[in-house]
Amino acid sequence: MLIQLKSTYYQYCQIDPVTVNALHAASSKRQFFAARIRDNGTDGPFDCRTHPIPKKYRR
């Protein structure tokens, strides 16, 4: 998933449909992103360094 923060796009890997739907339904997408998706600087639940891009999306 690509998420745009200001003018920069960030890539997050292996985000499940439940999390995506919850993000779309959240009353505050910013708070949901900060609490459930964003990494902490070294790793996160969807950090592409530790959660690789699924093979079907690789080139």
PDB file of N, CA and C in Angstrom:
ATOM      1  N   MET A   1       0.847  -1.166   0.000  1.00  0.00           N
ATOM      2  CA  MET A   1       0.000   0.000   0.000  1.00  0.00           C
ATOM      3  C   MET A   1       0.894   1.231   0.000  1.00  0.00           C
ATOM      4  N   LEU A   2       0.530   2.203  -0.796  1.00  0.00           N
ATOM      5  CA  LEU A   2       1.217   3.494  -0.780  1.00  0.00           C
ATOM      6  C   LEU A   2       0.362   4.479  -0.009  1.00  0.00           C
ATOM      7  N   ILE A   3       1.016   5.183   0.891  1.00  0.00           N
ATOM      8  CA  ILE A   3       0.324   6.208   1.677  1.00  0.00           C
ATOM      9  C   ILE A   3       1.080   7.510   1.501  1.00  0.00           C
ATOM     10  N   GLN A   4       0.349   8.561   1.118  1.00  0.00           N
ATOM     11  CA  GLN A   4       0.963   9.868   0.908  1.00  0.00           C
ATOM     12  C   GLN A   4       0.874  10.683   2.188  1.00  0.00           C
ATOM     13  N   LEU A   5       2.048  11.130   2.639  1.00  0.00           N
ATOM     14  CA  LEU A   5       2.137  12.045   3.775  1.00  0.00           C
ATOM     15  C   LEU A   5       2.759  13.326   3.252  1.00  0.00           C
ATOM     16  N   LYS A   6       1.954  14.366   3.237  1.00  0.00           N
ATOM     17  CA  LYS A   6       2.328  15.632   2.596  1.00  0.00           C
ATOM     18  C   LYS A   6       2.634  15.342   1.131  1.00  0.00           C
ATOM     19  N   SER A   7       3.850  15.563   0.654  1.00  0.00           N
ATOM     20  CA  SER A   7       4.148  15.346  -0.768  1.00  0.00           C
ATOM     21  C   SER A   7       4.967  14.080  -1.014  1.00  0.00           C
ATOM     22  N   THR A   8       5.145  13.265   0.013  1.00  0.00           N
ATOM     23  CA  THR A   8       5.964  12.062  -0.112  1.00  0.00           C
ATOM     24  C   THR A   8       5.097  10.817   0.027  1.00  0.00           C
ATOM     25  N   TYR A   9       5.340   9.835  -0.851  1.00  0.00           N
ATOM     26  CA  TYR A   9       4.650   8.562  -0.772  1.00  0.00           C
ATOM     27  C   TYR A   9       5.524   7.563  -0.028  1.00  0.00           C
ATOM     28  N   TYR A  10       4.905   6.793   0.875  1.00  0.00           N
ATOM     29  CA  TYR A  10       5.598   5.763   1.632  1.00  0.00           C
ATOM     30  C   TYR A  10       4.943   4.426   1.332  1.00  0.00           C
ATOM     31  N   GLN A  11       5.759   3.393   1.225  1.00  0.00           N
ATOM     32  CA  GLN A  11       5.275   2.063   0.892  1.00  0.00           C
ATOM     33  C   GLN A  11       5.179   1.224   2.157  1.00  0.00           C
ATOM     34  N   TYR A  12       4.051   0.547   2.316  1.00  0.00           N
ATOM     35  CA  TYR A  12       3.827  -0.360   3.438  1.00  0.00           C
ATOM     36  C   TYR A  12       3.441  -1.707   2.859  1.00  0.00           C
ATOM     37  N   CYS A  13       3.992  -2.776   3.408  1.00  0.00           N
ATOM     38  CA  CYS A  13       3.835  -4.111   2.830  1.00  0.00           C
ATOM     39  C   CYS A  13       2.992  -5.028   3.714  1.00  0.00           C
ATOM     40  N   GLN A  14       2.312  -5.940   3.053  1.00  0.00           N
ATOM     41  CA  GLN A  14       1.507  -6.987   3.683  1.00  0.00           C
ATOM     42  C   GLN A  14       0.420  -6.438   4.603  1.00  0.00           C
ATOM     43  N   ILE A  15      -0.184  -5.333   4.196  1.00  0.00           N
ATOM     44  CA  ILE A  15      -1.321  -4.809   4.963  1.00  0.00           C
ATOM     45  C   ILE A  15      -2.547  -5.641   4.593  1.00  0.00           C
ATOM     46  N   ASP A  16      -3.184  -6.187   5.597  1.00  0.00           N
ATOM     47  CA  ASP A  16      -4.337  -7.053   5.366  1.00  0.00           C
ATOM     48  C   ASP A  16      -5.592  -6.221   5.073  1.00  0.00           C
ATOM     49  N   PRO A  17      -6.575  -6.823   4.411  1.00  0.00           N
ATOM     50  CA  PRO A  17      -7.804  -6.097   4.065  1.00  0.00           C
ATOM     51  C   PRO A  17      -8.554  -5.532   5.270  1.00  0.00           C
ATOM     52  N   VAL A  18      -8.497  -6.201   6.399  1.00  0.00           N
ATOM     53  CA  VAL A  18      -9.182  -5.712   7.597  1.00  0.00           C
ATOM     54  C   VAL A  18      -8.593  -4.364   8.027  1.00  0.00           C
ATOM     55  N   THR A  19      -7.262  -4.254   7.994  1.00  0.00           N
ATOM     56  CA  THR A  19      -6.601  -3.000   8.371  1.00  0.00           C
ATOM     57  C   THR A  19      -6.917  -1.897   7.375  1.00  0.00           C
ATOM     58  N   VAL A  20      -6.918  -2.224   6.088  1.00  0.00           N
ATOM     59  CA  VAL A  20      -7.242  -1.227   5.057  1.00  0.00           C
ATOM     60  C   VAL A  20      -8.673  -0.720   5.251  1.00  0.00           C
ATOM     61  N   ASN A  21      -9.602  -1.625   5.462  1.00  0.00           N
ATOM     62  CA  ASN A  21     -11.000  -1.217   5.668  1.00  0.00           C
ATOM     63  C   ASN A  21     -11.150  -0.379   6.933  1.00  0.00           C
ATOM     64  N   ALA A  22     -10.428  -0.757   7.978  1.00  0.00           N
ATOM     65  CA  ALA A  22     -10.492   0.017   9.226  1.00  0.00           C
ATOM     66  C   ALA A  22      -9.912   1.420   9.029  1.00  0.00           C
ATOM     67  N   LEU A  23      -8.849   1.524   8.243  1.00  0.00           N
ATOM     68  CA  LEU A  23      -8.267   2.844   7.940  1.00  0.00           C
ATOM     69  C   LEU A  23      -9.284   3.718   7.209  1.00  0.00           C
ATOM     70  N   HIS A  24      -9.931   3.154   6.209  1.00  0.00           N
ATOM     71  CA  HIS A  24     -10.928   3.917   5.451  1.00  0.00           C
ATOM     72  C   HIS A  24     -12.113   4.338   6.318  1.00  0.00           C
ATOM     73  N   ALA A  25     -12.485   3.506   7.280  1.00  0.00           N
ATOM     74  CA  ALA A  25     -13.643   3.790   8.131  1.00  0.00           C
ATOM     75  C   ALA A  25     -13.306   4.651   9.347  1.00  0.00           C
ATOM     76  N   ALA A  26     -12.040   4.833   9.637  1.00  0.00           N
ATOM     77  CA  ALA A  26     -11.632   5.557  10.850  1.00  0.00           C
ATOM     78  C   ALA A  26     -12.100   7.006  10.822  1.00  0.00           C
ATOM     79  N   SER A  27     -12.547   7.491  11.967  1.00  0.00           N
ATOM     80  CA  SER A  27     -12.965   8.893  12.041  1.00  0.00           C
ATOM     81  C   SER A  27     -11.755   9.818  11.914  1.00  0.00           C
ATOM     82  N   SER A  28     -10.597   9.357  12.379  1.00  0.00           N
ATOM     83  CA  SER A  28      -9.356  10.104  12.203  1.00  0.00           C
ATOM     84  C   SER A  28      -8.336   9.177  11.546  1.00  0.00           C
ATOM     85  N   LYS A  29      -8.189   9.329  10.251  1.00  0.00           N
ATOM     86  CA  LYS A  29      -7.229   8.497   9.519  1.00  0.00           C
ATOM     87  C   LYS A  29      -5.813   8.739  10.014  1.00  0.00           C
ATOM     88  N   ARG A  30      -5.506   9.960  10.389  1.00  0.00           N
ATOM     89  CA  ARG A  30      -4.173  10.294  10.900  1.00  0.00           C
ATOM     90  C   ARG A  30      -3.876   9.538  12.191  1.00  0.00           C
ATOM     91  N   GLN A  31      -4.828   9.526  13.114  1.00  0.00           N
ATOM     92  CA  GLN A  31      -4.620   8.822  14.379  1.00  0.00           C
ATOM     93  C   GLN A  31      -4.541   7.310  14.159  1.00  0.00           C
ATOM     94  N   PHE A  32      -5.392   6.786  13.290  1.00  0.00           N
ATOM     95  CA  PHE A  32      -5.364   5.352  13.004  1.00  0.00           C
ATOM     96  C   PHE A  32      -4.026   4.972  12.395  1.00  0.00           C
ATOM     97  N   PHE A  33      -3.566   5.751  11.420  1.00  0.00           N
ATOM     98  CA  PHE A  33      -2.279   5.495  10.786  1.00  0.00           C
ATOM     99  C   PHE A  33      -1.153   5.498  11.814  1.00  0.00           C
ATOM    100  N   ALA A  34      -1.118   6.498  12.670  1.00  0.00           N
ATOM    101  CA  ALA A  34      -0.059   6.616  13.671  1.00  0.00           C
ATOM    102  C   ALA A  34      -0.081   5.445  14.655  1.00  0.00           C
ATOM    103  N   ALA A  35      -1.261   4.998  15.020  1.00  0.00           N
ATOM    104  CA  ALA A  35      -1.384   3.943  16.023  1.00  0.00           C
ATOM    105  C   ALA A  35      -1.225   2.537  15.459  1.00  0.00           C
ATOM    106  N   ARG A  36      -1.669   2.302  14.210  1.00  0.00           N
ATOM    107  CA  ARG A  36      -1.743   0.927  13.712  1.00  0.00           C
ATOM    108  C   ARG A  36      -0.854   0.603  12.526  1.00  0.00           C
ATOM    109  N   ILE A  37      -0.384   1.615  11.786  1.00  0.00           N
ATOM    110  CA  ILE A  37       0.353   1.337  10.545  1.00  0.00           C
ATOM    111  C   ILE A  37       1.785   1.852  10.591  1.00  0.00           C
ATOM    112  N   ARG A  38       1.963   3.068  11.010  1.00  0.00           N
ATOM    113  CA  ARG A  38       3.269   3.724  10.951  1.00  0.00           C
ATOM    114  C   ARG A  38       4.340   2.950  11.712  1.00  0.00           C
ATOM    115  N   ASP A  39       5.547   2.946  11.159  1.00  0.00           N
ATOM    116  CA  ASP A  39       6.644   2.280  11.869  1.00  0.00           C
ATOM    117  C   ASP A  39       7.217   3.201  12.932  1.00  0.00           C
ATOM    118  N   ASN A  40       8.067   2.643  13.769  1.00  0.00           N
ATOM    119  CA  ASN A  40       8.632   3.415  14.878  1.00  0.00           C
ATOM    120  C   ASN A  40      10.036   3.923  14.568  1.00  0.00           C
ATOM    121  N   GLY A  41      10.446   3.824  13.321  1.00  0.00           N
ATOM    122  CA  GLY A  41      11.777   4.272  12.921  1.00  0.00           C
ATOM    123  C   GLY A  41      12.725   3.121  12.665  1.00  0.00           C
ATOM    124  N   THR A  42      12.473   1.983  13.299  1.00  0.00           N
ATOM    125  CA  THR A  42      13.325   0.815  13.073  1.00  0.00           C
ATOM    126  C   THR A  42      12.540  -0.364  12.533  1.00  0.00           C
ATOM    127  N   ASP A  43      11.263  -0.421  12.834  1.00  0.00           N
ATOM    128  CA  ASP A  43      10.404  -1.497  12.345  1.00  0.00           C
ATOM    129  C   ASP A  43       8.965  -1.127  12.646  1.00  0.00           C
ATOM    130  N   GLY A  44       8.064  -1.796  11.982  1.00  0.00           N
ATOM    131  CA  GLY A  44       6.653  -1.577  12.219  1.00  0.00           C
ATOM    132  C   GLY A  44       5.890  -2.772  11.697  1.00  0.00           C
ATOM    133  N   PRO A  45       4.596  -2.809  11.938  1.00  0.00           N
ATOM    134  CA  PRO A  45       3.822  -3.982  11.545  1.00  0.00           C
ATOM    135  C   PRO A  45       3.748  -4.198  10.037  1.00  0.00           C
ATOM    136  N   PHE A  46       4.029  -3.168   9.253  1.00  0.00           N
ATOM    137  CA  PHE A  46       3.949  -3.292   7.798  1.00  0.00           C
ATOM    138  C   PHE A  46       5.194  -2.739   7.110  1.00  0.00           C
ATOM    139  N   ASP A  47       6.298  -2.687   7.834  1.00  0.00           N
ATOM    140  CA  ASP A  47       7.567  -2.177   7.294  1.00  0.00           C
ATOM    141  C   ASP A  47       8.058  -3.119   6.200  1.00  0.00           C
ATOM    142  N   CYS A  48       8.291  -2.597   5.011  1.00  0.00           N
ATOM    143  CA  CYS A  48       8.705  -3.426   3.875  1.00  0.00           C
ATOM    144  C   CYS A  48      10.098  -4.031   4.053  1.00  0.00           C
ATOM    145  N   ARG A  49      10.876  -3.522   5.000  1.00  0.00           N
ATOM    146  CA  ARG A  49      12.189  -4.112   5.271  1.00  0.00           C
ATOM    147  C   ARG A  49      12.058  -5.452   5.975  1.00  0.00           C
ATOM    148  N   THR A  50      10.989  -5.630   6.744  1.00  0.00           N
ATOM    149  CA  THR A  50      10.793  -6.877   7.478  1.00  0.00           C
ATOM    150  C   THR A  50       9.532  -7.621   7.054  1.00  0.00           C
ATOM    151  N   HIS A  51       8.704  -7.005   6.245  1.00  0.00           N
ATOM    152  CA  HIS A  51       7.485  -7.611   5.704  1.00  0.00           C
ATOM    153  C   HIS A  51       7.538  -7.426   4.189  1.00  0.00           C
ATOM    154  N   PRO A  52       8.162  -8.356   3.477  1.00  0.00           N
ATOM    155  CA  PRO A  52       8.415  -8.163   2.053  1.00  0.00           C
ATOM    156  C   PRO A  52       7.154  -7.999   1.206  1.00  0.00           C
ATOM    157  N   ILE A  53       7.370  -7.388   0.056  1.00  0.00           N
ATOM    158  CA  ILE A  53       6.304  -7.228  -0.926  1.00  0.00           C
ATOM    159  C   ILE A  53       5.883  -8.618  -1.392  1.00  0.00           C
ATOM    160  N   PRO A  54       4.590  -8.917  -1.410  1.00  0.00           N
ATOM    161  CA  PRO A  54       4.149 -10.228  -1.899  1.00  0.00           C
ATOM    162  C   PRO A  54       4.640 -10.476  -3.328  1.00  0.00           C
ATOM    163  N   LYS A  55       4.983 -11.710  -3.622  1.00  0.00           N
ATOM    164  CA  LYS A  55       5.573 -12.065  -4.923  1.00  0.00           C
ATOM    165  C   LYS A  55       4.705 -11.619  -6.100  1.00  0.00           C
ATOM    166  N   LYS A  56       3.388 -11.668  -5.942  1.00  0.00           N
ATOM    167  CA  LYS A  56       2.519 -11.314  -7.071  1.00  0.00           C
ATOM    168  C   LYS A  56       2.643  -9.835  -7.470  1.00  0.00           C
ATOM    169  N   TYR A  57       3.212  -8.992  -6.582  1.00  0.00           N
ATOM    170  CA  TYR A  57       3.374  -7.564  -6.907  1.00  0.00           C
ATOM    171  C   TYR A  57       4.795  -7.179  -7.257  1.00  0.00           C
ATOM    172  N   ARG A  58       5.710  -8.114  -7.174  1.00  0.00           N
ATOM    173  CA  ARG A  58       7.112  -7.808  -7.506  1.00  0.00           C
ATOM    174  C   ARG A  58       7.314  -7.810  -9.009  1.00  0.00           C
ATOM    175  N   ARG A  59       8.282  -7.052  -9.456  1.00  0.00           N
ATOM    176  CA  ARG A  59       8.624  -7.041 -10.882  1.00  0.00           C
ATOM    177  C   ARG A  59       9.897  -7.776 -11.110  1.00  0.00           C
TER     178      ARG A  59
END
